[in-house]
Amino acid sequence: MEMKNPIHPGELVKECFEDLGLSVAEAAKGLGITRQQLHNVVTGRSGVTPEMAIRFEKAFGSTADTWLRMQMNYDLAQTRKRVAGITVRRLTRKVA
């Protein structure tokens, strides 16, 4: 089932470390990334990469696949909002 407006996975990441009582800096240290990298994901400025998904899997327990699917669903929903501006010509077999 397609979600019309899925949340950015960074929102869930923020909830995860806040539920643990951690600051951005503390969570970033535990994840082995910079505070700025985590801040960028949490604010939606950066997407969840495969490496980041593995880090979240190890830290929070959800699978990397889940984090990546969330990111893909978010990205696709954002792109669908701009679909009218994407111009493509239908490709057909070339006639000899």
N, C-alpha and C. Protein backbone atom coordinates (compact mmCIF):
# COMPACT_ATOMS: atom_id res chain seq x y z
N MET A 1 0.84 -1.18 0.00
CA MET A 1 0.00 0.00 0.00
C MET A 1 0.88 1.24 0.00
N GLU A 2 0.66 2.12 -0.94
CA GLU A 2 1.46 3.33 -1.09
C GLU A 2 1.05 4.37 -0.05
N MET A 3 2.04 4.92 0.63
CA MET A 3 1.77 6.00 1.57
C MET A 3 1.86 7.33 0.82
N LYS A 4 0.88 8.19 1.00
CA LYS A 4 0.87 9.46 0.28
C LYS A 4 1.86 10.46 0.86
N ASN A 5 2.09 10.41 2.15
CA ASN A 5 2.98 11.37 2.77
C ASN A 5 3.79 10.71 3.90
N PRO A 6 4.70 9.80 3.53
CA PRO A 6 5.48 9.13 4.57
C PRO A 6 6.43 10.10 5.25
N ILE A 7 6.74 9.85 6.50
CA ILE A 7 7.68 10.70 7.22
C ILE A 7 9.10 10.39 6.78
N HIS A 8 9.97 11.36 6.95
CA HIS A 8 11.40 11.14 6.72
C HIS A 8 11.88 10.23 7.85
N PRO A 9 12.71 9.22 7.55
CA PRO A 9 13.16 8.31 8.60
C PRO A 9 13.92 9.02 9.73
N GLY A 10 14.45 10.19 9.45
CA GLY A 10 15.14 10.95 10.49
C GLY A 10 14.25 11.28 11.67
N GLU A 11 12.95 11.45 11.41
CA GLU A 11 12.01 11.72 12.51
C GLU A 11 11.95 10.54 13.47
N LEU A 12 11.97 9.33 12.93
CA LEU A 12 11.94 8.14 13.76
C LEU A 12 13.27 7.95 14.50
N VAL A 13 14.37 8.27 13.83
CA VAL A 13 15.69 8.20 14.47
C VAL A 13 15.70 9.10 15.70
N LYS A 14 15.19 10.32 15.52
CA LYS A 14 15.15 11.28 16.64
C LYS A 14 14.34 10.72 17.80
N GLU A 15 13.17 10.14 17.49
CA GLU A 15 12.35 9.53 18.54
C GLU A 15 13.10 8.42 19.25
N CYS A 16 13.86 7.62 18.49
CA CYS A 16 14.59 6.49 19.08
C CYS A 16 15.60 6.97 20.11
N PHE A 17 16.44 7.96 19.74
CA PHE A 17 17.46 8.36 20.71
C PHE A 17 16.88 9.22 21.83
N GLU A 18 15.81 9.95 21.54
CA GLU A 18 15.17 10.72 22.62
C GLU A 18 14.51 9.80 23.63
N ASP A 19 13.91 8.70 23.14
CA ASP A 19 13.31 7.71 24.05
C ASP A 19 14.35 7.11 24.97
N LEU A 20 15.59 7.07 24.51
CA LEU A 20 16.69 6.54 25.32
C LEU A 20 17.30 7.62 26.23
N GLY A 21 16.78 8.84 26.13
CA GLY A 21 17.28 9.94 26.95
C GLY A 21 18.61 10.49 26.48
N LEU A 22 18.90 10.34 25.19
CA LEU A 22 20.18 10.78 24.65
C LEU A 22 20.04 12.08 23.86
N SER A 23 21.09 12.90 23.92
CA SER A 23 21.15 14.10 23.09
C SER A 23 21.64 13.71 21.70
N VAL A 24 21.58 14.65 20.78
CA VAL A 24 22.11 14.40 19.43
C VAL A 24 23.59 14.05 19.52
N ALA A 25 24.32 14.79 20.32
CA ALA A 25 25.77 14.54 20.45
C ALA A 25 26.05 13.15 21.02
N GLU A 26 25.31 12.76 22.03
CA GLU A 26 25.50 11.44 22.65
C GLU A 26 25.14 10.33 21.67
N ALA A 27 24.03 10.50 20.97
CA ALA A 27 23.61 9.48 20.00
C ALA A 27 24.62 9.38 18.86
N ALA A 28 25.10 10.52 18.38
CA ALA A 28 26.08 10.53 17.30
C ALA A 28 27.35 9.80 17.72
N LYS A 29 27.80 10.04 18.94
CA LYS A 29 29.00 9.37 19.44
C LYS A 29 28.78 7.86 19.48
N GLY A 30 27.63 7.43 19.97
CA GLY A 30 27.32 6.00 20.02
C GLY A 30 27.22 5.37 18.63
N LEU A 31 26.74 6.16 17.66
CA LEU A 31 26.61 5.66 16.29
C LEU A 31 27.93 5.70 15.53
N GLY A 32 28.92 6.40 16.08
CA GLY A 32 30.22 6.51 15.41
C GLY A 32 30.21 7.49 14.24
N ILE A 33 29.35 8.52 14.35
CA ILE A 33 29.27 9.54 13.32
C ILE A 33 29.36 10.91 13.99
N THR A 34 29.48 11.96 13.18
CA THR A 34 29.55 13.30 13.75
C THR A 34 28.15 13.77 14.15
N ARG A 35 28.14 14.72 15.05
CA ARG A 35 26.88 15.32 15.47
C ARG A 35 26.18 15.95 14.27
N GLN A 36 26.97 16.57 13.39
CA GLN A 36 26.39 17.22 12.21
C GLN A 36 25.74 16.21 11.26
N GLN A 37 26.38 15.05 11.08
CA GLN A 37 25.80 14.00 10.23
C GLN A 37 24.44 13.58 10.77
N LEU A 38 24.37 13.34 12.08
CA LEU A 38 23.11 12.91 12.67
C LEU A 38 22.07 14.03 12.60
N HIS A 39 22.49 15.24 12.87
CA HIS A 39 21.58 16.39 12.78
C HIS A 39 20.99 16.49 11.37
N ASN A 40 21.82 16.30 10.35
CA ASN A 40 21.35 16.38 8.97
C ASN A 40 20.31 15.32 8.65
N VAL A 41 20.48 14.12 9.18
CA VAL A 41 19.50 13.06 8.95
C VAL A 41 18.20 13.38 9.71
N VAL A 42 18.34 13.78 10.95
CA VAL A 42 17.17 14.06 11.80
C VAL A 42 16.33 15.21 11.23
N THR A 43 16.98 16.19 10.63
CA THR A 43 16.24 17.34 10.08
C THR A 43 15.80 17.10 8.64
N GLY A 44 16.13 15.95 8.07
CA GLY A 44 15.72 15.64 6.71
C GLY A 44 16.60 16.25 5.64
N ARG A 45 17.72 16.84 6.03
CA ARG A 45 18.65 17.42 5.05
C ARG A 45 19.46 16.34 4.34
N SER A 46 19.63 15.20 5.00
CA SER A 46 20.35 14.06 4.42
C SER A 46 19.46 12.84 4.50
N GLY A 47 19.65 11.95 3.55
CA GLY A 47 18.92 10.70 3.56
C GLY A 47 19.69 9.62 4.30
N VAL A 48 19.00 8.53 4.54
CA VAL A 48 19.62 7.36 5.17
C VAL A 48 20.34 6.57 4.08
N THR A 49 21.65 6.47 4.21
CA THR A 49 22.47 5.69 3.28
C THR A 49 22.53 4.25 3.76
N PRO A 50 22.99 3.33 2.91
CA PRO A 50 23.13 1.94 3.37
C PRO A 50 24.01 1.82 4.62
N GLU A 51 25.11 2.56 4.67
CA GLU A 51 25.98 2.48 5.86
C GLU A 51 25.26 3.02 7.09
N MET A 52 24.56 4.12 6.93
CA MET A 52 23.83 4.70 8.06
C MET A 52 22.74 3.73 8.51
N ALA A 53 22.09 3.06 7.57
CA ALA A 53 21.05 2.08 7.89
C ALA A 53 21.62 0.94 8.75
N ILE A 54 22.83 0.51 8.43
CA ILE A 54 23.49 -0.53 9.23
C ILE A 54 23.75 -0.01 10.64
N ARG A 55 24.20 1.23 10.74
CA ARG A 55 24.45 1.82 12.06
C ARG A 55 23.16 1.88 12.88
N PHE A 56 22.06 2.30 12.24
CA PHE A 56 20.78 2.36 12.94
C PHE A 56 20.31 0.96 13.34
N GLU A 57 20.54 -0.02 12.47
CA GLU A 57 20.17 -1.40 12.77
C GLU A 57 20.88 -1.86 14.03
N LYS A 58 22.18 -1.60 14.11
CA LYS A 58 22.96 -2.03 15.28
C LYS A 58 22.56 -1.27 16.54
N ALA A 59 22.21 0.01 16.39
CA ALA A 59 21.91 0.84 17.55
C ALA A 59 20.49 0.68 18.07
N PHE A 60 19.52 0.57 17.15
CA PHE A 60 18.12 0.61 17.55
C PHE A 60 17.37 -0.70 17.37
N GLY A 61 17.95 -1.65 16.63
CA GLY A 61 17.31 -2.94 16.48
C GLY A 61 16.49 -3.15 15.23
N SER A 62 16.00 -2.09 14.60
CA SER A 62 15.27 -2.25 13.34
C SER A 62 16.26 -2.68 12.27
N THR A 63 15.78 -3.37 11.24
CA THR A 63 16.70 -3.84 10.21
C THR A 63 17.12 -2.70 9.29
N ALA A 64 18.31 -2.84 8.71
CA ALA A 64 18.80 -1.87 7.73
C ALA A 64 17.83 -1.78 6.56
N ASP A 65 17.26 -2.91 6.18
CA ASP A 65 16.28 -2.93 5.08
C ASP A 65 15.09 -2.01 5.38
N THR A 66 14.64 -2.03 6.61
CA THR A 66 13.51 -1.19 7.00
C THR A 66 13.87 0.29 6.88
N TRP A 67 15.05 0.66 7.37
CA TRP A 67 15.49 2.06 7.29
C TRP A 67 15.60 2.50 5.83
N LEU A 68 16.15 1.64 4.99
CA LEU A 68 16.31 1.99 3.58
C LEU A 68 14.96 2.06 2.86
N ARG A 69 14.04 1.17 3.20
CA ARG A 69 12.71 1.23 2.60
C ARG A 69 11.98 2.51 3.01
N MET A 70 12.14 2.90 4.27
CA MET A 70 11.53 4.15 4.72
C MET A 70 12.07 5.33 3.92
N GLN A 71 13.40 5.33 3.70
CA GLN A 71 14.01 6.41 2.94
C GLN A 71 13.51 6.41 1.50
N MET A 72 13.45 5.23 0.88
CA MET A 72 13.00 5.12 -0.50
C MET A 72 11.55 5.59 -0.63
N ASN A 73 10.67 5.17 0.30
CA ASN A 73 9.28 5.59 0.27
C ASN A 73 9.14 7.10 0.42
N TYR A 74 9.95 7.68 1.30
CA TYR A 74 9.94 9.12 1.48
C TYR A 74 10.40 9.83 0.20
N ASP A 75 11.52 9.37 -0.36
CA ASP A 75 12.06 9.99 -1.58
C ASP A 75 11.07 9.88 -2.73
N LEU A 76 10.45 8.73 -2.89
CA LEU A 76 9.50 8.53 -3.98
C LEU A 76 8.29 9.45 -3.81
N ALA A 77 7.80 9.58 -2.59
CA ALA A 77 6.65 10.46 -2.34
C ALA A 77 7.00 11.90 -2.66
N GLN A 78 8.22 12.32 -2.30
CA GLN A 78 8.64 13.69 -2.59
C GLN A 78 8.75 13.90 -4.10
N THR A 79 9.26 12.91 -4.81
CA THR A 79 9.39 13.02 -6.27
C THR A 79 8.03 13.03 -6.94
N ARG A 80 7.10 12.23 -6.44
CA ARG A 80 5.75 12.20 -7.02
C ARG A 80 5.07 13.56 -6.92
N LYS A 81 5.43 14.35 -5.93
CA LYS A 81 4.87 15.69 -5.80
C LYS A 81 5.33 16.59 -6.94
N ARG A 82 6.45 16.24 -7.57
CA ARG A 82 7.00 17.03 -8.67
C ARG A 82 6.81 16.35 -10.02
N VAL A 83 5.97 15.34 -10.09
CA VAL A 83 5.84 14.52 -11.30
C VAL A 83 5.46 15.34 -12.54
N ALA A 84 4.68 16.38 -12.36
CA ALA A 84 4.27 17.20 -13.51
C ALA A 84 5.47 17.87 -14.18
N GLY A 85 6.51 18.12 -13.43
CA GLY A 85 7.70 18.78 -13.97
C GLY A 85 8.72 17.82 -14.56
N ILE A 86 8.43 16.54 -14.56
CA ILE A 86 9.36 15.55 -15.12
C ILE A 86 8.88 15.21 -16.52
N THR A 87 9.63 15.68 -17.51
CA THR A 87 9.25 15.47 -18.91
C THR A 87 10.01 14.28 -19.47
N VAL A 88 9.25 13.33 -19.99
CA VAL A 88 9.84 12.12 -20.57
C VAL A 88 9.06 11.77 -21.83
N ARG A 89 9.78 11.37 -22.84
CA ARG A 89 9.14 10.90 -24.08
C ARG A 89 9.10 9.39 -24.00
N ARG A 90 7.93 8.83 -24.29
CA ARG A 90 7.77 7.36 -24.27
C ARG A 90 8.68 6.76 -25.32
N LEU A 91 9.48 5.79 -24.95
CA LEU A 91 10.40 5.12 -25.85
C LEU A 91 9.70 3.96 -26.56
N THR A 92 9.91 3.86 -27.84
CA THR A 92 9.31 2.79 -28.63
C THR A 92 10.40 2.17 -29.50
N ARG A 93 10.09 1.00 -30.02
CA ARG A 93 11.04 0.29 -30.86
C ARG A 93 11.32 1.10 -32.11
N LYS A 94 12.59 1.18 -32.45
CA LYS A 94 13.02 1.92 -33.65
C LYS A 94 12.64 1.11 -34.89
N VAL A 95 12.00 1.76 -35.82
CA VAL A 95 11.58 1.12 -37.07
C VAL A 95 12.73 1.25 -38.06
N ALA A 96 13.14 0.11 -38.65
CA ALA A 96 14.28 0.10 -39.59
C ALA A 96 13.92 0.63 -40.95
